[in-house]
Amino acid sequence: MAVIANTCSVDECERPAKTRGWCIRHYTCWQRNGSPTAFVRRTYVSGTPQERFESSTTKTDGCWLWTGRMNHGGYGMLSLSGGEVRAHRWAYELFIGPVPDGLVLDHLCRVRHCVNPAHLDPCTIGENVMRGETLVADQVRRTHCPQGHEYTPENTRINNGSRHCRECARVRDRSRAPRRKKKVA
């Protein structure tokens, strides 16, 4: 089928193209599923929140995978009469109890759409970040600079939130000193 200019490039879609040659619907599908045509078909179940939770959960040997609606961060969302809540938080509160004040739930399995309460651990936001696999967590966990010098309070200078090795700075300054002397002479 020929694609008319300014319409979605997906076959048989006549909506106006907005981004990457796709309409908003296909672009959003691409963001969430990795393909503009990989729509996840969902069946909506009426009933109690627990019945809706069960119908949107696929239990495997380890993780309970959420198959319902997910937010942009990849966390499952459960609709309740008062709005929406994250499905993993709702499951934790149903099966284990309330999340203590000031704590968040960390997915020990590292699967964001897992709603198995056994895989959830209440912890502080800082602990949650440090357990993660982000660049920030990786940098903070490092105990030595790239040249192998240990980050100790005596050997570490903090500038604009970044750690700098003092020994590396001394080595760098010593290597620059002969060049400076030549310029002066």
N, C-alpha and C. Protein backbone atom coordinates (compact mmCIF):
# COMPACT_ATOMS: atom_id res chain seq x y z
N MET A 1 0.84 -1.18 0.00
CA MET A 1 0.00 0.00 0.00
C MET A 1 0.88 1.24 0.00
N ALA A 2 0.58 2.17 -0.85
CA ALA A 2 1.35 3.41 -0.93
C ALA A 2 1.09 4.28 0.29
N VAL A 3 2.15 4.88 0.78
CA VAL A 3 2.02 5.75 1.94
C VAL A 3 1.85 7.19 1.46
N ILE A 4 0.80 7.81 1.91
CA ILE A 4 0.54 9.20 1.56
C ILE A 4 1.38 10.07 2.48
N ALA A 5 1.93 11.14 1.96
CA ALA A 5 2.77 12.03 2.76
C ALA A 5 2.01 12.49 4.00
N ASN A 6 2.71 12.57 5.10
CA ASN A 6 2.19 13.04 6.38
C ASN A 6 1.18 12.10 7.02
N THR A 7 1.16 10.83 6.60
CA THR A 7 0.36 9.85 7.31
C THR A 7 1.32 8.82 7.89
N CYS A 8 0.83 8.08 8.85
CA CYS A 8 1.63 7.06 9.53
C CYS A 8 2.18 6.07 8.52
N SER A 9 3.45 5.68 8.68
CA SER A 9 4.09 4.77 7.72
C SER A 9 3.71 3.31 7.95
N VAL A 10 2.96 3.01 9.01
CA VAL A 10 2.51 1.64 9.25
C VAL A 10 1.37 1.35 8.27
N ASP A 11 1.43 0.17 7.62
CA ASP A 11 0.41 -0.20 6.63
C ASP A 11 -0.99 -0.10 7.21
N GLU A 12 -1.89 0.40 6.43
CA GLU A 12 -3.32 0.52 6.73
C GLU A 12 -3.63 1.46 7.89
N CYS A 13 -2.69 2.31 8.27
CA CYS A 13 -2.95 3.32 9.30
C CYS A 13 -3.06 4.67 8.60
N GLU A 14 -4.14 5.32 8.78
CA GLU A 14 -4.40 6.58 8.11
C GLU A 14 -4.22 7.79 9.03
N ARG A 15 -3.76 7.57 10.25
CA ARG A 15 -3.58 8.69 11.18
C ARG A 15 -2.42 9.58 10.73
N PRO A 16 -2.43 10.85 11.13
CA PRO A 16 -1.33 11.73 10.74
C PRO A 16 -0.02 11.34 11.42
N ALA A 17 1.07 11.41 10.68
CA ALA A 17 2.40 11.08 11.21
C ALA A 17 2.88 12.24 12.09
N LYS A 18 3.46 11.88 13.22
CA LYS A 18 3.97 12.89 14.14
C LYS A 18 5.48 12.74 14.34
N THR A 19 5.93 11.54 14.68
CA THR A 19 7.33 11.31 15.01
C THR A 19 7.83 10.04 14.34
N ARG A 20 9.05 10.10 13.78
CA ARG A 20 9.67 8.95 13.11
C ARG A 20 8.79 8.37 12.00
N GLY A 21 7.88 9.15 11.49
CA GLY A 21 6.99 8.70 10.43
C GLY A 21 5.80 7.90 10.94
N TRP A 22 5.60 7.86 12.25
CA TRP A 22 4.49 7.12 12.83
C TRP A 22 3.51 8.08 13.49
N CYS A 23 2.28 7.61 13.65
CA CYS A 23 1.29 8.36 14.42
C CYS A 23 1.62 8.22 15.91
N ILE A 24 0.93 8.97 16.74
CA ILE A 24 1.18 8.92 18.18
C ILE A 24 0.99 7.51 18.72
N ARG A 25 -0.06 6.82 18.26
CA ARG A 25 -0.35 5.47 18.77
C ARG A 25 0.80 4.51 18.47
N HIS A 26 1.30 4.50 17.22
CA HIS A 26 2.37 3.59 16.85
C HIS A 26 3.70 4.01 17.48
N TYR A 27 3.94 5.30 17.63
CA TYR A 27 5.17 5.77 18.28
C TYR A 27 5.18 5.33 19.75
N THR A 28 4.06 5.49 20.44
CA THR A 28 3.96 5.08 21.84
C THR A 28 4.15 3.57 21.96
N CYS A 29 3.58 2.82 21.03
CA CYS A 29 3.75 1.37 21.03
C CYS A 29 5.22 1.01 20.86
N TRP A 30 5.93 1.72 19.98
CA TRP A 30 7.35 1.48 19.78
C TRP A 30 8.13 1.77 21.06
N GLN A 31 7.79 2.87 21.77
CA GLN A 31 8.48 3.21 23.01
C GLN A 31 8.30 2.13 24.07
N ARG A 32 7.10 1.60 24.18
CA ARG A 32 6.79 0.65 25.24
C ARG A 32 7.19 -0.78 24.90
N ASN A 33 7.09 -1.17 23.62
CA ASN A 33 7.27 -2.57 23.25
C ASN A 33 8.41 -2.85 22.30
N GLY A 34 9.08 -1.78 21.80
CA GLY A 34 10.20 -1.97 20.90
C GLY A 34 9.82 -2.12 19.45
N SER A 35 8.53 -2.10 19.14
CA SER A 35 8.05 -2.21 17.76
C SER A 35 6.78 -1.39 17.63
N PRO A 36 6.62 -0.67 16.52
CA PRO A 36 5.41 0.14 16.37
C PRO A 36 4.15 -0.68 16.16
N THR A 37 4.30 -1.97 15.88
CA THR A 37 3.11 -2.79 15.64
C THR A 37 2.92 -3.87 16.69
N ALA A 38 3.74 -3.89 17.72
CA ALA A 38 3.65 -4.94 18.74
C ALA A 38 2.72 -4.51 19.86
N PHE A 39 1.47 -4.35 19.53
CA PHE A 39 0.50 -3.97 20.55
C PHE A 39 0.27 -5.14 21.49
N VAL A 40 0.24 -4.86 22.76
CA VAL A 40 -0.06 -5.89 23.75
C VAL A 40 -1.56 -5.89 23.94
N ARG A 41 -2.17 -6.98 23.59
CA ARG A 41 -3.62 -7.09 23.75
C ARG A 41 -3.94 -7.40 25.19
N ARG A 42 -4.78 -6.62 25.78
CA ARG A 42 -5.14 -6.82 27.18
C ARG A 42 -6.64 -7.06 27.29
N THR A 43 -6.98 -7.97 28.14
CA THR A 43 -8.38 -8.17 28.44
C THR A 43 -8.65 -7.55 29.80
N TYR A 44 -9.69 -6.78 29.87
CA TYR A 44 -10.01 -6.10 31.11
C TYR A 44 -11.05 -6.89 31.87
N VAL A 45 -10.76 -7.15 33.12
CA VAL A 45 -11.62 -7.96 33.96
C VAL A 45 -12.25 -7.05 34.99
N SER A 46 -13.55 -7.17 35.12
CA SER A 46 -14.20 -6.44 36.20
C SER A 46 -14.16 -7.33 37.42
N GLY A 47 -14.39 -6.74 38.55
CA GLY A 47 -14.37 -7.51 39.79
C GLY A 47 -13.53 -6.82 40.84
N THR A 48 -13.15 -7.55 41.84
CA THR A 48 -12.37 -6.98 42.93
C THR A 48 -10.96 -6.68 42.46
N PRO A 49 -10.26 -5.79 43.16
CA PRO A 49 -8.87 -5.52 42.77
C PRO A 49 -8.02 -6.79 42.77
N GLN A 50 -8.27 -7.71 43.69
CA GLN A 50 -7.48 -8.93 43.73
C GLN A 50 -7.74 -9.80 42.50
N GLU A 51 -9.00 -9.85 42.03
CA GLU A 51 -9.31 -10.61 40.81
C GLU A 51 -8.64 -9.97 39.61
N ARG A 52 -8.65 -8.65 39.53
CA ARG A 52 -7.98 -7.95 38.42
C ARG A 52 -6.47 -8.16 38.49
N PHE A 53 -5.93 -8.15 39.71
CA PHE A 53 -4.50 -8.39 39.91
C PHE A 53 -4.13 -9.79 39.40
N GLU A 54 -4.89 -10.78 39.82
CA GLU A 54 -4.62 -12.16 39.41
C GLU A 54 -4.72 -12.33 37.90
N SER A 55 -5.70 -11.66 37.26
CA SER A 55 -5.87 -11.82 35.82
C SER A 55 -4.76 -11.14 35.03
N SER A 56 -4.04 -10.20 35.65
CA SER A 56 -2.96 -9.49 34.96
C SER A 56 -1.58 -9.97 35.38
N THR A 57 -1.51 -11.13 36.03
CA THR A 57 -0.24 -11.64 36.52
C THR A 57 0.02 -13.02 35.94
N THR A 58 1.23 -13.22 35.42
CA THR A 58 1.67 -14.52 34.94
C THR A 58 2.74 -15.01 35.90
N LYS A 59 2.47 -16.09 36.60
CA LYS A 59 3.41 -16.61 37.59
C LYS A 59 4.35 -17.61 36.94
N THR A 60 5.66 -17.35 37.08
CA THR A 60 6.69 -18.27 36.59
C THR A 60 7.32 -18.93 37.81
N ASP A 61 8.40 -19.66 37.61
CA ASP A 61 9.08 -20.32 38.73
C ASP A 61 9.56 -19.31 39.76
N GLY A 62 9.98 -18.13 39.31
CA GLY A 62 10.49 -17.13 40.23
C GLY A 62 9.62 -15.88 40.27
N CYS A 63 9.66 -15.14 39.19
CA CYS A 63 8.95 -13.86 39.13
C CYS A 63 7.47 -14.05 38.82
N TRP A 64 6.68 -13.11 39.32
CA TRP A 64 5.28 -12.98 38.91
C TRP A 64 5.26 -11.78 37.97
N LEU A 65 5.12 -12.02 36.70
CA LEU A 65 5.24 -10.95 35.71
C LEU A 65 3.89 -10.27 35.47
N TRP A 66 3.92 -8.96 35.53
CA TRP A 66 2.72 -8.15 35.32
C TRP A 66 2.49 -8.02 33.83
N THR A 67 1.28 -8.36 33.38
CA THR A 67 0.94 -8.28 31.96
C THR A 67 -0.05 -7.17 31.68
N GLY A 68 -0.47 -6.46 32.70
CA GLY A 68 -1.40 -5.35 32.54
C GLY A 68 -0.69 -4.08 32.10
N ARG A 69 -1.35 -2.95 32.31
CA ARG A 69 -0.80 -1.66 31.90
C ARG A 69 0.48 -1.35 32.68
N MET A 70 1.47 -0.79 31.97
CA MET A 70 2.72 -0.40 32.61
C MET A 70 2.96 1.08 32.37
N ASN A 71 3.64 1.73 33.32
CA ASN A 71 3.98 3.13 33.12
C ASN A 71 5.25 3.22 32.28
N HIS A 72 5.71 4.43 32.01
CA HIS A 72 6.87 4.61 31.14
C HIS A 72 8.15 4.05 31.74
N GLY A 73 8.18 3.90 33.06
CA GLY A 73 9.36 3.33 33.71
C GLY A 73 9.40 1.82 33.68
N GLY A 74 8.33 1.18 33.20
CA GLY A 74 8.28 -0.27 33.12
C GLY A 74 7.65 -0.94 34.33
N TYR A 75 7.05 -0.15 35.23
CA TYR A 75 6.39 -0.71 36.41
C TYR A 75 4.92 -0.93 36.11
N GLY A 76 4.37 -2.04 36.61
CA GLY A 76 2.97 -2.35 36.41
C GLY A 76 2.08 -1.39 37.19
N MET A 77 0.95 -1.05 36.60
CA MET A 77 -0.01 -0.14 37.22
C MET A 77 -1.35 -0.86 37.37
N LEU A 78 -1.94 -0.74 38.56
CA LEU A 78 -3.23 -1.36 38.84
C LEU A 78 -4.24 -0.27 39.11
N SER A 79 -5.36 -0.31 38.39
CA SER A 79 -6.41 0.69 38.57
C SER A 79 -7.29 0.31 39.75
N LEU A 80 -7.50 1.28 40.62
CA LEU A 80 -8.39 1.13 41.75
C LEU A 80 -9.45 2.22 41.66
N SER A 81 -10.45 2.15 42.49
CA SER A 81 -11.51 3.15 42.43
C SER A 81 -10.97 4.55 42.74
N GLY A 82 -9.91 4.64 43.54
CA GLY A 82 -9.35 5.94 43.90
C GLY A 82 -8.24 6.41 42.99
N GLY A 83 -7.97 5.70 41.92
CA GLY A 83 -6.90 6.07 41.00
C GLY A 83 -6.07 4.85 40.65
N GLU A 84 -4.77 5.07 40.43
CA GLU A 84 -3.87 3.99 40.07
C GLU A 84 -2.75 3.87 41.10
N VAL A 85 -2.29 2.64 41.31
CA VAL A 85 -1.15 2.38 42.18
C VAL A 85 -0.20 1.45 41.44
N ARG A 86 1.05 1.44 41.86
CA ARG A 86 1.99 0.50 41.27
C ARG A 86 1.63 -0.90 41.75
N ALA A 87 1.57 -1.82 40.81
CA ALA A 87 1.09 -3.17 41.09
C ALA A 87 1.98 -3.89 42.09
N HIS A 88 3.28 -3.69 42.03
CA HIS A 88 4.17 -4.39 42.98
C HIS A 88 3.95 -3.88 44.40
N ARG A 89 3.68 -2.61 44.54
CA ARG A 89 3.43 -2.05 45.87
C ARG A 89 2.11 -2.59 46.43
N TRP A 90 1.09 -2.66 45.57
CA TRP A 90 -0.21 -3.18 45.99
C TRP A 90 -0.07 -4.65 46.42
N ALA A 91 0.70 -5.44 45.67
CA ALA A 91 0.90 -6.86 46.00
C ALA A 91 1.64 -7.00 47.33
N TYR A 92 2.65 -6.17 47.55
CA TYR A 92 3.39 -6.23 48.81
C TYR A 92 2.46 -5.94 49.99
N GLU A 93 1.65 -4.90 49.85
CA GLU A 93 0.75 -4.53 50.94
C GLU A 93 -0.33 -5.58 51.15
N LEU A 94 -0.77 -6.26 50.09
CA LEU A 94 -1.79 -7.30 50.22
C LEU A 94 -1.23 -8.54 50.91
N PHE A 95 -0.07 -9.02 50.48
CA PHE A 95 0.46 -10.29 50.96
C PHE A 95 1.37 -10.17 52.19
N ILE A 96 2.03 -9.03 52.38
CA ILE A 96 2.98 -8.89 53.48
C ILE A 96 2.53 -7.85 54.50
N GLY A 97 2.18 -6.67 54.04
CA GLY A 97 1.75 -5.62 54.95
C GLY A 97 2.19 -4.26 54.42
N PRO A 98 1.90 -3.20 55.18
CA PRO A 98 2.23 -1.86 54.68
C PRO A 98 3.74 -1.65 54.58
N VAL A 99 4.11 -0.82 53.62
CA VAL A 99 5.52 -0.44 53.45
C VAL A 99 5.82 0.60 54.52
N PRO A 100 6.87 0.40 55.32
CA PRO A 100 7.19 1.37 56.37
C PRO A 100 7.42 2.77 55.81
N ASP A 101 7.03 3.78 56.59
CA ASP A 101 7.19 5.18 56.17
C ASP A 101 8.65 5.48 55.84
N GLY A 102 8.86 6.23 54.78
CA GLY A 102 10.20 6.63 54.38
C GLY A 102 10.95 5.60 53.58
N LEU A 103 10.35 4.44 53.32
CA LEU A 103 11.02 3.40 52.56
C LEU A 103 10.33 3.17 51.22
N VAL A 104 11.07 2.65 50.28
CA VAL A 104 10.55 2.27 48.97
C VAL A 104 10.79 0.78 48.78
N LEU A 105 10.16 0.19 47.77
CA LEU A 105 10.34 -1.24 47.51
C LEU A 105 11.40 -1.44 46.43
N ASP A 106 12.37 -2.27 46.75
CA ASP A 106 13.44 -2.60 45.81
C ASP A 106 13.16 -3.97 45.23
N HIS A 107 13.22 -4.08 43.90
CA HIS A 107 13.06 -5.36 43.22
C HIS A 107 14.39 -6.11 43.30
N LEU A 108 14.48 -7.10 44.15
CA LEU A 108 15.72 -7.85 44.31
C LEU A 108 16.06 -8.64 43.05
N CYS A 109 15.04 -9.00 42.28
CA CYS A 109 15.25 -9.75 41.04
C CYS A 109 15.66 -8.85 39.88
N ARG A 110 15.58 -7.53 40.07
CA ARG A 110 15.91 -6.52 39.06
C ARG A 110 14.94 -6.50 37.88
N VAL A 111 13.76 -7.09 38.03
CA VAL A 111 12.74 -7.09 36.97
C VAL A 111 11.64 -6.12 37.41
N ARG A 112 11.53 -5.00 36.73
CA ARG A 112 10.61 -3.95 37.17
C ARG A 112 9.15 -4.36 37.14
N HIS A 113 8.77 -5.20 36.22
CA HIS A 113 7.36 -5.58 36.16
C HIS A 113 7.06 -6.88 36.92
N CYS A 114 7.97 -7.26 37.82
CA CYS A 114 7.73 -8.40 38.71
C CYS A 114 6.92 -7.91 39.90
N VAL A 115 5.86 -8.65 40.26
CA VAL A 115 5.01 -8.27 41.38
C VAL A 115 5.03 -9.32 42.49
N ASN A 116 6.02 -10.21 42.47
CA ASN A 116 6.15 -11.24 43.50
C ASN A 116 6.61 -10.57 44.80
N PRO A 117 5.81 -10.61 45.86
CA PRO A 117 6.20 -9.95 47.11
C PRO A 117 7.49 -10.50 47.71
N ALA A 118 7.83 -11.75 47.41
CA ALA A 118 9.07 -12.33 47.92
C ALA A 118 10.29 -11.69 47.27
N HIS A 119 10.12 -11.03 46.14
CA HIS A 119 11.22 -10.37 45.44
C HIS A 119 11.33 -8.90 45.80
N LEU A 120 10.51 -8.42 46.71
CA LEU A 120 10.48 -7.00 47.06
C LEU A 120 11.03 -6.80 48.47
N ASP A 121 11.88 -5.79 48.61
CA ASP A 121 12.50 -5.50 49.90
C ASP A 121 12.35 -4.02 50.21
N PRO A 122 11.74 -3.67 51.34
CA PRO A 122 11.67 -2.26 51.71
C PRO A 122 13.06 -1.74 52.09
N CYS A 123 13.43 -0.60 51.53
CA CYS A 123 14.72 0.00 51.82
C CYS A 123 14.64 1.49 51.56
N THR A 124 15.69 2.21 51.92
CA THR A 124 15.71 3.65 51.65
C THR A 124 15.98 3.87 50.16
N ILE A 125 15.71 5.07 49.70
CA ILE A 125 15.95 5.39 48.30
C ILE A 125 17.44 5.24 47.99
N GLY A 126 18.29 5.67 48.92
CA GLY A 126 19.74 5.55 48.72
C GLY A 126 20.19 4.10 48.56
N GLU A 127 19.67 3.22 49.41
CA GLU A 127 20.01 1.80 49.29
C GLU A 127 19.52 1.25 47.96
N ASN A 128 18.32 1.64 47.55
CA ASN A 128 17.76 1.17 46.30
C ASN A 128 18.65 1.58 45.12
N VAL A 129 19.10 2.82 45.14
CA VAL A 129 19.98 3.30 44.06
C VAL A 129 21.30 2.53 44.08
N MET A 130 21.87 2.33 45.27
CA MET A 130 23.16 1.66 45.37
C MET A 130 23.09 0.19 44.97
N ARG A 131 21.96 -0.44 45.15
CA ARG A 131 21.80 -1.84 44.73
C ARG A 131 21.63 -1.96 43.22
N GLY A 132 21.29 -0.87 42.58
CA GLY A 132 21.00 -0.88 41.15
C GLY A 132 22.23 -1.00 40.28
N GLU A 133 22.00 -0.95 39.00
CA GLU A 133 23.07 -1.10 38.02
C GLU A 133 23.25 0.17 37.22
N THR A 134 23.09 1.32 37.88
CA THR A 134 23.24 2.60 37.20
C THR A 134 24.68 3.06 37.24
N LEU A 135 25.00 4.07 36.45
CA LEU A 135 26.34 4.63 36.42
C LEU A 135 26.70 5.24 37.78
N VAL A 136 25.75 5.92 38.41
CA VAL A 136 26.00 6.53 39.71
C VAL A 136 26.36 5.45 40.73
N ALA A 137 25.58 4.38 40.79
CA ALA A 137 25.85 3.31 41.74
C ALA A 137 27.22 2.68 41.47
N ASP A 138 27.56 2.50 40.21
CA ASP A 138 28.84 1.91 39.85
C ASP A 138 30.00 2.80 40.31
N GLN A 139 29.86 4.10 40.10
CA GLN A 139 30.93 5.03 40.51
C GLN A 139 31.11 5.05 42.02
N VAL A 140 30.03 5.05 42.76
CA VAL A 140 30.12 5.12 44.22
C VAL A 140 30.71 3.84 44.80
N ARG A 141 30.44 2.70 44.18
CA ARG A 141 30.96 1.42 44.67
C ARG A 141 32.45 1.26 44.43
N ARG A 142 33.02 2.05 43.54
CA ARG A 142 34.45 1.90 43.24
C ARG A 142 35.29 2.32 44.44
N THR A 143 36.30 1.52 44.74
CA THR A 143 37.17 1.80 45.88
C THR A 143 38.55 2.29 45.45
N HIS A 144 38.87 2.19 44.16
CA HIS A 144 40.17 2.60 43.65
C HIS A 144 39.99 3.43 42.38
N CYS A 145 40.92 4.34 42.13
CA CYS A 145 40.89 5.13 40.91
C CYS A 145 41.32 4.24 39.73
N PRO A 146 41.18 4.71 38.48
CA PRO A 146 41.57 3.87 37.33
C PRO A 146 43.04 3.44 37.34
N GLN A 147 43.93 4.20 38.04
CA GLN A 147 45.34 3.82 38.10
C GLN A 147 45.64 2.91 39.29
N GLY A 148 44.62 2.58 40.09
CA GLY A 148 44.80 1.63 41.18
C GLY A 148 45.02 2.23 42.55
N HIS A 149 44.98 3.55 42.68
CA HIS A 149 45.15 4.18 44.00
C HIS A 149 43.84 4.10 44.76
N GLU A 150 43.94 3.79 46.05
CA GLU A 150 42.73 3.64 46.87
C GLU A 150 42.10 4.99 47.16
N TYR A 151 40.75 5.01 47.11
CA TYR A 151 40.02 6.22 47.49
C TYR A 151 39.90 6.23 49.02
N THR A 152 40.82 6.91 49.68
CA THR A 152 40.75 7.09 51.12
C THR A 152 40.47 8.57 51.38
N PRO A 153 40.05 8.93 52.59
CA PRO A 153 39.81 10.35 52.86
C PRO A 153 41.06 11.21 52.60
N GLU A 154 42.25 10.67 52.88
CA GLU A 154 43.48 11.43 52.68
C GLU A 154 43.85 11.54 51.20
N ASN A 155 43.45 10.56 50.41
CA ASN A 155 43.85 10.52 49.00
C ASN A 155 42.73 10.97 48.06
N THR A 156 41.64 11.47 48.60
CA THR A 156 40.50 11.82 47.75
C THR A 156 40.14 13.28 47.90
N ARG A 157 40.01 13.95 46.77
CA ARG A 157 39.53 15.34 46.74
C ARG A 157 38.19 15.33 46.03
N ILE A 158 37.21 16.01 46.63
CA ILE A 158 35.88 16.07 46.03
C ILE A 158 35.70 17.45 45.42
N ASN A 159 35.38 17.49 44.13
CA ASN A 159 35.18 18.75 43.43
C ASN A 159 33.90 18.63 42.60
N ASN A 160 32.93 19.48 42.89
CA ASN A 160 31.64 19.47 42.18
C ASN A 160 30.97 18.09 42.23
N GLY A 161 31.10 17.42 43.38
CA GLY A 161 30.46 16.12 43.56
C GLY A 161 31.21 14.96 42.97
N SER A 162 32.37 15.21 42.35
CA SER A 162 33.16 14.14 41.75
C SER A 162 34.40 13.86 42.58
N ARG A 163 34.79 12.59 42.67
CA ARG A 163 36.00 12.22 43.39
C ARG A 163 37.20 12.31 42.47
N HIS A 164 38.30 12.84 43.01
CA HIS A 164 39.55 12.93 42.27
C HIS A 164 40.67 12.37 43.14
N CYS A 165 41.52 11.57 42.56
CA CYS A 165 42.63 10.95 43.27
C CYS A 165 43.76 11.96 43.42
N ARG A 166 44.18 12.21 44.66
CA ARG A 166 45.27 13.17 44.91
C ARG A 166 46.61 12.62 44.41
N GLU A 167 46.84 11.31 44.53
CA GLU A 167 48.10 10.73 44.07
C GLU A 167 48.24 10.88 42.56
N CYS A 168 47.16 10.68 41.84
CA CYS A 168 47.20 10.86 40.38
C CYS A 168 47.50 12.32 40.05
N ALA A 169 46.95 13.26 40.83
CA ALA A 169 47.22 14.68 40.61
C ALA A 169 48.68 14.99 40.86
N ARG A 170 49.28 14.38 41.90
CA ARG A 170 50.70 14.60 42.19
C ARG A 170 51.56 14.06 41.04
N VAL A 171 51.25 12.87 40.54
CA VAL A 171 52.00 12.28 39.43
C VAL A 171 51.88 13.18 38.20
N ARG A 172 50.71 13.66 37.93
CA ARG A 172 50.47 14.54 36.77
C ARG A 172 51.26 15.84 36.92
N ASP A 173 51.25 16.42 38.13
CA ASP A 173 51.98 17.67 38.34
C ASP A 173 53.48 17.47 38.20
N ARG A 174 54.00 16.33 38.69
CA ARG A 174 55.44 16.05 38.55
C ARG A 174 55.83 15.90 37.09
N SER A 175 54.96 15.31 36.28
CA SER A 175 55.29 15.13 34.86
C SER A 175 55.23 16.46 34.11
N ARG A 176 54.47 17.40 34.62
CA ARG A 176 54.36 18.72 33.96
C ARG A 176 55.49 19.66 34.38
N ALA A 177 56.09 19.43 35.54
CA ALA A 177 57.11 20.33 36.06
C ALA A 177 58.30 20.48 35.12
N PRO A 178 58.89 19.40 34.56
CA PRO A 178 60.03 19.60 33.65
C PRO A 178 59.66 20.42 32.42
N ARG A 179 58.45 20.27 31.92
CA ARG A 179 58.02 21.04 30.74
C ARG A 179 57.92 22.52 31.09
N ARG A 180 57.47 22.82 32.29
CA ARG A 180 57.33 24.22 32.72
C ARG A 180 58.70 24.87 32.85
N LYS A 181 59.67 24.10 33.36
CA LYS A 181 61.02 24.63 33.52
C LYS A 181 61.64 24.95 32.17
N LYS A 182 61.39 24.10 31.16
CA LYS A 182 61.91 24.35 29.82
C LYS A 182 61.33 25.61 29.24
N LYS A 183 60.03 25.86 29.47
CA LYS A 183 59.39 27.07 28.94
C LYS A 183 59.98 28.32 29.56
N VAL A 184 60.28 28.25 30.86
CA VAL A 184 60.81 29.41 31.56
C VAL A 184 62.23 29.69 31.08
N ALA A 185 63.03 28.64 30.85
CA ALA A 185 64.43 28.82 30.45
C ALA A 185 64.47 29.23 29.02
